[in-house]
Amino acid sequence: MRKNLQIVALSLMGALGLFIGLFIIGETMSDPGGWQGVGLVALWLVPLLVVVAIAWLRPEWAKWLLAALTAGVTGLLLWSVLAPQPWSDFENRNGPILAIAVFALAIPLTVLGWRQPVPAGSMLLVLGLTPVASLLLLAATGGVHRDGAGIPPQAGLVVLTVPLVLVGALLLVAGLSDRGAKRLPPTTPPAARVGGSATGPPKVA
């Protein structure tokens, strides 16, 4: 069961990553395009590939590295709640930084899920639910409707929430089901429990 759930999770994230990655690259190469576009793509693609390699080859190291990166991205999302207008202005000038950060982090987290499904799934759930929680908190504090406030940065991340939460849940269930299977006690033949053997009556001294 564990392997099947992990395969489904990696397949879903692989398809999503390919689609979103090509979309981001295409948009960047059209605006601003040229060598500047190449540099902007390399700015997130190269670290993504490096962390993916670490997640596959050194999952124990990657677990702590990705935990720190998840905390950092989560902190940026919460910061954008405290300063929605400056973040909107910043992203209008520089592009969807928060969305790219979440996307670039979700890929290596899913790869880590092949070796470490429970921590990877937990971090994906945090990464997927934080944008929605941030948007709800922003709406509750009146940031969305504040005069002069544009579209909050978290709004563009909501489309990533469902696949991230789904993949995270699949990995978490895979890891927990595997742990549950390991805790099951081995079955012992009745004859062995009373001091005999499974092929004959108990021996009399």
C-alpha atoms as a PDB file:
ATOM      1  CA  MET A   1       0.000   0.000   0.000  1.00  0.00           C
ATOM      2  CA  ARG A   2       2.805   2.401   0.886  1.00  0.00           C
ATOM      3  CA  LYS A   3       4.524   2.127  -2.495  1.00  0.00           C
ATOM      4  CA  ASN A   4       1.258   2.555  -4.383  1.00  0.00           C
ATOM      5  CA  LEU A   5       0.386   5.737  -2.496  1.00  0.00           C
ATOM      6  CA  GLN A   6       3.898   7.095  -3.010  1.00  0.00           C
ATOM      7  CA  ILE A   7       3.784   6.374  -6.729  1.00  0.00           C
ATOM      8  CA  VAL A   8       0.441   8.190  -7.021  1.00  0.00           C
ATOM      9  CA  ALA A   9       1.804  11.156  -5.039  1.00  0.00           C
ATOM     10  CA  LEU A  10       4.978  11.426  -7.135  1.00  0.00           C
ATOM     11  CA  SER A  11       3.005  11.068 -10.365  1.00  0.00           C
ATOM     12  CA  LEU A  12       0.587  13.844  -9.415  1.00  0.00           C
ATOM     13  CA  MET A  13       3.379  16.205  -8.369  1.00  0.00           C
ATOM     14  CA  GLY A  14       5.416  15.284 -11.438  1.00  0.00           C
ATOM     15  CA  ALA A  15       2.575  16.193 -13.785  1.00  0.00           C
ATOM     16  CA  LEU A  16       1.808  19.380 -11.855  1.00  0.00           C
ATOM     17  CA  GLY A  17       5.488  20.334 -11.660  1.00  0.00           C
ATOM     18  CA  LEU A  18       5.990  19.843 -15.400  1.00  0.00           C
ATOM     19  CA  PHE A  19       2.951  21.937 -16.280  1.00  0.00           C
ATOM     20  CA  ILE A  20       3.668  24.791 -13.844  1.00  0.00           C
ATOM     21  CA  GLY A  21       7.402  24.730 -14.514  1.00  0.00           C
ATOM     22  CA  LEU A  22       6.939  25.055 -18.265  1.00  0.00           C
ATOM     23  CA  PHE A  23       4.357  27.792 -17.742  1.00  0.00           C
ATOM     24  CA  ILE A  24       6.694  29.818 -15.509  1.00  0.00           C
ATOM     25  CA  ILE A  25       9.619  29.360 -17.892  1.00  0.00           C
ATOM     26  CA  GLY A  26       7.488  30.363 -20.883  1.00  0.00           C
ATOM     27  CA  GLU A  27       6.178  33.479 -19.147  1.00  0.00           C
ATOM     28  CA  THR A  28       9.667  34.465 -17.993  1.00  0.00           C
ATOM     29  CA  MET A  29      11.201  33.983 -21.427  1.00  0.00           C
ATOM     30  CA  SER A  30       8.516  36.160 -22.990  1.00  0.00           C
ATOM     31  CA  ASP A  31       8.717  38.875 -20.328  1.00  0.00           C
ATOM     32  CA  PRO A  32      11.415  40.018 -19.705  1.00  0.00           C
ATOM     33  CA  GLY A  33      12.969  37.426 -22.032  1.00  0.00           C
ATOM     34  CA  GLY A  34      16.530  37.289 -23.297  1.00  0.00           C
ATOM     35  CA  TRP A  35      19.436  36.680 -20.947  1.00  0.00           C
ATOM     36  CA  GLN A  36      17.561  38.363 -18.144  1.00  0.00           C
ATOM     37  CA  GLY A  37      14.815  35.765 -18.480  1.00  0.00           C
ATOM     38  CA  VAL A  38      17.398  32.966 -18.517  1.00  0.00           C
ATOM     39  CA  GLY A  39      18.922  34.357 -15.332  1.00  0.00           C
ATOM     40  CA  LEU A  40      15.552  34.595 -13.593  1.00  0.00           C
ATOM     41  CA  VAL A  41      14.694  31.008 -14.511  1.00  0.00           C
ATOM     42  CA  ALA A  42      18.091  29.778 -13.312  1.00  0.00           C
ATOM     43  CA  LEU A  43      17.563  31.659 -10.062  1.00  0.00           C
ATOM     44  CA  TRP A  44      14.891  29.165  -8.959  1.00  0.00           C
ATOM     45  CA  LEU A  45      15.475  26.166 -11.233  1.00  0.00           C
ATOM     46  CA  VAL A  46      19.110  25.500 -10.262  1.00  0.00           C
ATOM     47  CA  PRO A  47      18.445  25.494  -6.486  1.00  0.00           C
ATOM     48  CA  LEU A  48      15.373  23.315  -7.100  1.00  0.00           C
ATOM     49  CA  LEU A  49      17.449  20.694  -8.943  1.00  0.00           C
ATOM     50  CA  VAL A  50      20.178  20.786  -6.288  1.00  0.00           C
ATOM     51  CA  VAL A  51      17.705  20.250  -3.445  1.00  0.00           C
ATOM     52  CA  VAL A  52      15.943  17.489  -5.415  1.00  0.00           C
ATOM     53  CA  ALA A  53      19.291  15.698  -5.757  1.00  0.00           C
ATOM     54  CA  ILE A  54      19.949  16.068  -2.021  1.00  0.00           C
ATOM     55  CA  ALA A  55      16.444  14.797  -1.213  1.00  0.00           C
ATOM     56  CA  TRP A  56      17.036  11.687  -3.299  1.00  0.00           C
ATOM     57  CA  LEU A  57      20.641  10.943  -2.370  1.00  0.00           C
ATOM     58  CA  ARG A  58      20.758  12.187   1.232  1.00  0.00           C
ATOM     59  CA  PRO A  59      17.207  12.081   2.625  1.00  0.00           C
ATOM     60  CA  GLU A  60      18.326  12.526   6.252  1.00  0.00           C
ATOM     61  CA  TRP A  61      20.152  15.752   5.390  1.00  0.00           C
ATOM     62  CA  ALA A  62      17.332  16.870   3.130  1.00  0.00           C
ATOM     63  CA  LYS A  63      14.765  16.400   5.878  1.00  0.00           C
ATOM     64  CA  TRP A  64      16.360  19.118   8.011  1.00  0.00           C
ATOM     65  CA  LEU A  65      17.211  21.351   5.051  1.00  0.00           C
ATOM     66  CA  LEU A  66      13.645  21.231   3.749  1.00  0.00           C
ATOM     67  CA  ALA A  67      12.258  21.782   7.241  1.00  0.00           C
ATOM     68  CA  ALA A  68      14.273  25.011   7.447  1.00  0.00           C
ATOM     69  CA  LEU A  69      13.160  26.076   3.959  1.00  0.00           C
ATOM     70  CA  THR A  70       9.530  25.281   4.764  1.00  0.00           C
ATOM     71  CA  ALA A  71       9.754  27.394   7.911  1.00  0.00           C
ATOM     72  CA  GLY A  72      11.279  30.220   5.875  1.00  0.00           C
ATOM     73  CA  VAL A  73       8.598  30.171   3.168  1.00  0.00           C
ATOM     74  CA  THR A  74       5.870  29.898   5.799  1.00  0.00           C
ATOM     75  CA  GLY A  75       7.372  32.911   7.526  1.00  0.00           C
ATOM     76  CA  LEU A  76       7.277  34.889   4.262  1.00  0.00           C
ATOM     77  CA  LEU A  77       3.624  33.969   3.786  1.00  0.00           C
ATOM     78  CA  LEU A  78       2.772  35.157   7.282  1.00  0.00           C
ATOM     79  CA  TRP A  79       4.833  38.307   6.735  1.00  0.00           C
ATOM     80  CA  SER A  80       2.783  39.018   3.613  1.00  0.00           C
ATOM     81  CA  VAL A  81      -0.299  39.000   5.858  1.00  0.00           C
ATOM     82  CA  LEU A  82       1.231  41.657   8.088  1.00  0.00           C
ATOM     83  CA  ALA A  83       2.271  43.786   5.104  1.00  0.00           C
ATOM     84  CA  PRO A  84      -0.127  42.941   2.239  1.00  0.00           C
ATOM     85  CA  GLN A  85       0.242  46.164   0.284  1.00  0.00           C
ATOM     86  CA  PRO A  86       4.066  46.243   0.241  1.00  0.00           C
ATOM     87  CA  TRP A  87       4.117  42.582  -0.796  1.00  0.00           C
ATOM     88  CA  SER A  88       1.585  43.205  -3.570  1.00  0.00           C
ATOM     89  CA  ASP A  89       3.680  46.112  -4.837  1.00  0.00           C
ATOM     90  CA  PHE A  90       6.849  44.007  -4.625  1.00  0.00           C
ATOM     91  CA  GLU A  91       5.326  41.132  -6.598  1.00  0.00           C
ATOM     92  CA  ASN A  92       3.855  43.504  -9.174  1.00  0.00           C
ATOM     93  CA  ARG A  93       7.407  44.693  -9.854  1.00  0.00           C
ATOM     94  CA  ASN A  94       9.242  41.369  -9.565  1.00  0.00           C
ATOM     95  CA  GLY A  95       6.742  38.628 -10.314  1.00  0.00           C
ATOM     96  CA  PRO A  96       4.982  35.982  -8.187  1.00  0.00           C
ATOM     97  CA  ILE A  97       7.867  35.335  -5.779  1.00  0.00           C
ATOM     98  CA  LEU A  98       5.781  33.563  -3.147  1.00  0.00           C
ATOM     99  CA  ALA A  99       4.084  31.249  -5.658  1.00  0.00           C
ATOM    100  CA  ILE A 100       7.422  30.273  -7.212  1.00  0.00           C
ATOM    101  CA  ALA A 101       8.912  29.684  -3.763  1.00  0.00           C
ATOM    102  CA  VAL A 102       6.044  27.378  -2.786  1.00  0.00           C
ATOM    103  CA  PHE A 103       6.236  25.539  -6.114  1.00  0.00           C
ATOM    104  CA  ALA A 104      10.020  25.163  -6.009  1.00  0.00           C
ATOM    105  CA  LEU A 105       9.831  23.774  -2.476  1.00  0.00           C
ATOM    106  CA  ALA A 106       6.966  21.347  -3.155  1.00  0.00           C
ATOM    107  CA  ILE A 107       8.960  19.400  -5.775  1.00  0.00           C
ATOM    108  CA  PRO A 108      11.892  18.321  -3.539  1.00  0.00           C
ATOM    109  CA  LEU A 109       9.480  17.713  -0.656  1.00  0.00           C
ATOM    110  CA  THR A 110       7.614  15.198  -2.815  1.00  0.00           C
ATOM    111  CA  VAL A 111      10.897  13.550  -3.823  1.00  0.00           C
ATOM    112  CA  LEU A 112      11.802  13.301  -0.139  1.00  0.00           C
ATOM    113  CA  GLY A 113       8.465  11.565   0.357  1.00  0.00           C
ATOM    114  CA  TRP A 114       9.814   8.470  -1.410  1.00  0.00           C
ATOM    115  CA  ARG A 115      12.303   7.915   1.435  1.00  0.00           C
ATOM    116  CA  GLN A 116      10.753   9.927   4.288  1.00  0.00           C
ATOM    117  CA  PRO A 117       6.980  10.015   3.658  1.00  0.00           C
ATOM    118  CA  VAL A 118       5.812  11.211   7.092  1.00  0.00           C
ATOM    119  CA  PRO A 119       8.009  14.343   7.436  1.00  0.00           C
ATOM    120  CA  ALA A 120       7.627  15.159   3.736  1.00  0.00           C
ATOM    121  CA  GLY A 121       3.854  14.772   3.856  1.00  0.00           C
ATOM    122  CA  SER A 122       3.603  16.880   7.003  1.00  0.00           C
ATOM    123  CA  MET A 123       5.651  19.706   5.466  1.00  0.00           C
ATOM    124  CA  LEU A 124       3.597  19.597   2.262  1.00  0.00           C
ATOM    125  CA  LEU A 125       0.400  19.935   4.294  1.00  0.00           C
ATOM    126  CA  VAL A 126       1.846  22.952   6.118  1.00  0.00           C
ATOM    127  CA  LEU A 127       2.994  24.451   2.822  1.00  0.00           C
ATOM    128  CA  GLY A 128      -0.384  23.851   1.189  1.00  0.00           C
ATOM    129  CA  LEU A 129      -2.598  25.059   4.021  1.00  0.00           C
ATOM    130  CA  THR A 130      -0.601  28.161   4.997  1.00  0.00           C
ATOM    131  CA  PRO A 131      -1.641  30.245   1.940  1.00  0.00           C
ATOM    132  CA  VAL A 132      -5.336  29.571   2.647  1.00  0.00           C
ATOM    133  CA  ALA A 133      -4.899  30.315   6.350  1.00  0.00           C
ATOM    134  CA  SER A 134      -2.998  33.494   5.459  1.00  0.00           C
ATOM    135  CA  LEU A 135      -5.727  34.607   3.059  1.00  0.00           C
ATOM    136  CA  LEU A 136      -8.449  33.944   5.642  1.00  0.00           C
ATOM    137  CA  LEU A 137      -6.465  35.832   8.274  1.00  0.00           C
ATOM    138  CA  LEU A 138      -5.934  38.698   5.841  1.00  0.00           C
ATOM    139  CA  ALA A 139      -9.655  38.846   5.114  1.00  0.00           C
ATOM    140  CA  ALA A 140     -10.478  38.709   8.820  1.00  0.00           C
ATOM    141  CA  THR A 141      -8.192  41.653   9.547  1.00  0.00           C
ATOM    142  CA  GLY A 142      -9.625  43.681   6.657  1.00  0.00           C
ATOM    143  CA  GLY A 143      -6.444  43.615   4.574  1.00  0.00           C
ATOM    144  CA  VAL A 144      -8.215  42.381   1.454  1.00  0.00           C
ATOM    145  CA  HIS A 145     -10.739  45.220   1.470  1.00  0.00           C
ATOM    146  CA  ARG A 146      -8.402  47.961   2.624  1.00  0.00           C
ATOM    147  CA  ASP A 147      -8.444  51.038   0.402  1.00  0.00           C
ATOM    148  CA  GLY A 148      -5.679  50.897  -2.161  1.00  0.00           C
ATOM    149  CA  ALA A 149      -4.891  47.247  -1.479  1.00  0.00           C
ATOM    150  CA  GLY A 150      -4.482  45.179  -4.607  1.00  0.00           C
ATOM    151  CA  ILE A 151      -4.932  41.452  -5.001  1.00  0.00           C
ATOM    152  CA  PRO A 152      -3.131  39.838  -2.061  1.00  0.00           C
ATOM    153  CA  PRO A 153      -0.147  37.613  -2.906  1.00  0.00           C
ATOM    154  CA  GLN A 154      -1.829  34.629  -1.250  1.00  0.00           C
ATOM    155  CA  ALA A 155      -4.695  34.660  -3.788  1.00  0.00           C
ATOM    156  CA  GLY A 156      -2.502  33.273  -6.551  1.00  0.00           C
ATOM    157  CA  LEU A 157      -1.348  30.446  -4.289  1.00  0.00           C
ATOM    158  CA  VAL A 158      -4.805  29.033  -3.654  1.00  0.00           C
ATOM    159  CA  VAL A 159      -4.651  27.074  -6.943  1.00  0.00           C
ATOM    160  CA  LEU A 160      -1.640  25.192  -5.536  1.00  0.00           C
ATOM    161  CA  THR A 161      -3.380  24.351  -2.282  1.00  0.00           C
ATOM    162  CA  VAL A 162      -5.446  21.373  -3.445  1.00  0.00           C
ATOM    163  CA  PRO A 163      -2.624  19.391  -5.140  1.00  0.00           C
ATOM    164  CA  LEU A 164      -0.141  20.140  -2.336  1.00  0.00           C
ATOM    165  CA  VAL A 165      -2.592  19.059   0.360  1.00  0.00           C
ATOM    166  CA  LEU A 166      -3.578  15.979  -1.648  1.00  0.00           C
ATOM    167  CA  VAL A 167       0.019  14.893  -2.240  1.00  0.00           C
ATOM    168  CA  GLY A 168       0.929  15.639   1.365  1.00  0.00           C
ATOM    169  CA  ALA A 169      -2.010  13.585   2.634  1.00  0.00           C
ATOM    170  CA  LEU A 170      -1.091  10.652   0.377  1.00  0.00           C
ATOM    171  CA  LEU A 171       2.497  10.634   1.629  1.00  0.00           C
ATOM    172  CA  LEU A 172       1.423  10.974   5.249  1.00  0.00           C
ATOM    173  CA  VAL A 173      -1.022   8.073   4.964  1.00  0.00           C
ATOM    174  CA  ALA A 174       1.651   6.007   3.200  1.00  0.00           C
ATOM    175  CA  GLY A 175       4.141   6.589   5.990  1.00  0.00           C
ATOM    176  CA  LEU A 176       1.671   5.986   8.804  1.00  0.00           C
ATOM    177  CA  SER A 177       0.305   2.812   7.214  1.00  0.00           C
ATOM    178  CA  ASP A 178       3.836   1.473   6.906  1.00  0.00           C
ATOM    179  CA  ARG A 179       4.518   2.211  10.561  1.00  0.00           C
ATOM    180  CA  GLY A 180       1.288   0.508  11.553  1.00  0.00           C
ATOM    181  CA  ALA A 181       2.240  -2.606   9.586  1.00  0.00           C
ATOM    182  CA  LYS A 182       5.620  -2.760  11.333  1.00  0.00           C
ATOM    183  CA  ARG A 183       3.964  -2.611  14.767  1.00  0.00           C
ATOM    184  CA  LEU A 184       1.754  -5.667  14.141  1.00  0.00           C
ATOM    185  CA  PRO A 185       2.971  -8.627  16.255  1.00  0.00           C
ATOM    186  CA  PRO A 186       4.115 -11.722  14.362  1.00  0.00           C
ATOM    187  CA  THR A 187       1.584 -14.529  14.235  1.00  0.00           C
ATOM    188  CA  THR A 188       2.613 -17.626  16.218  1.00  0.00           C
ATOM    189  CA  PRO A 189       1.170 -21.111  15.656  1.00  0.00           C
ATOM    190  CA  PRO A 190      -1.049 -22.301  18.548  1.00  0.00           C
ATOM    191  CA  ALA A 191       1.179 -25.296  19.233  1.00  0.00           C
ATOM    192  CA  ALA A 192       4.221 -23.054  19.698  1.00  0.00           C
ATOM    193  CA  ARG A 193       2.373 -20.914  22.271  1.00  0.00           C
ATOM    194  CA  VAL A 194       1.799 -23.943  24.563  1.00  0.00           C
ATOM    195  CA  GLY A 195       5.317 -25.236  24.343  1.00  0.00           C
ATOM    196  CA  GLY A 196       4.859 -27.732  21.529  1.00  0.00           C
ATOM    197  CA  SER A 197       5.603 -27.652  17.826  1.00  0.00           C
ATOM    198  CA  ALA A 198       3.389 -26.957  14.868  1.00  0.00           C
ATOM    199  CA  THR A 199       3.909 -30.502  13.548  1.00  0.00           C
ATOM    200  CA  GLY A 200       3.312 -32.621  16.643  1.00  0.00           C
ATOM    201  CA  PRO A 201       2.126 -32.785  20.236  1.00  0.00           C
ATOM    202  CA  PRO A 202       4.013 -31.119  23.089  1.00  0.00           C
ATOM    203  CA  LYS A 203       7.058 -32.995  24.285  1.00  0.00           C
ATOM    204  CA  VAL A 204       6.861 -34.586  27.725  1.00  0.00           C
ATOM    205  CA  ALA A 205      10.031 -34.541  29.816  1.00  0.00           C
END
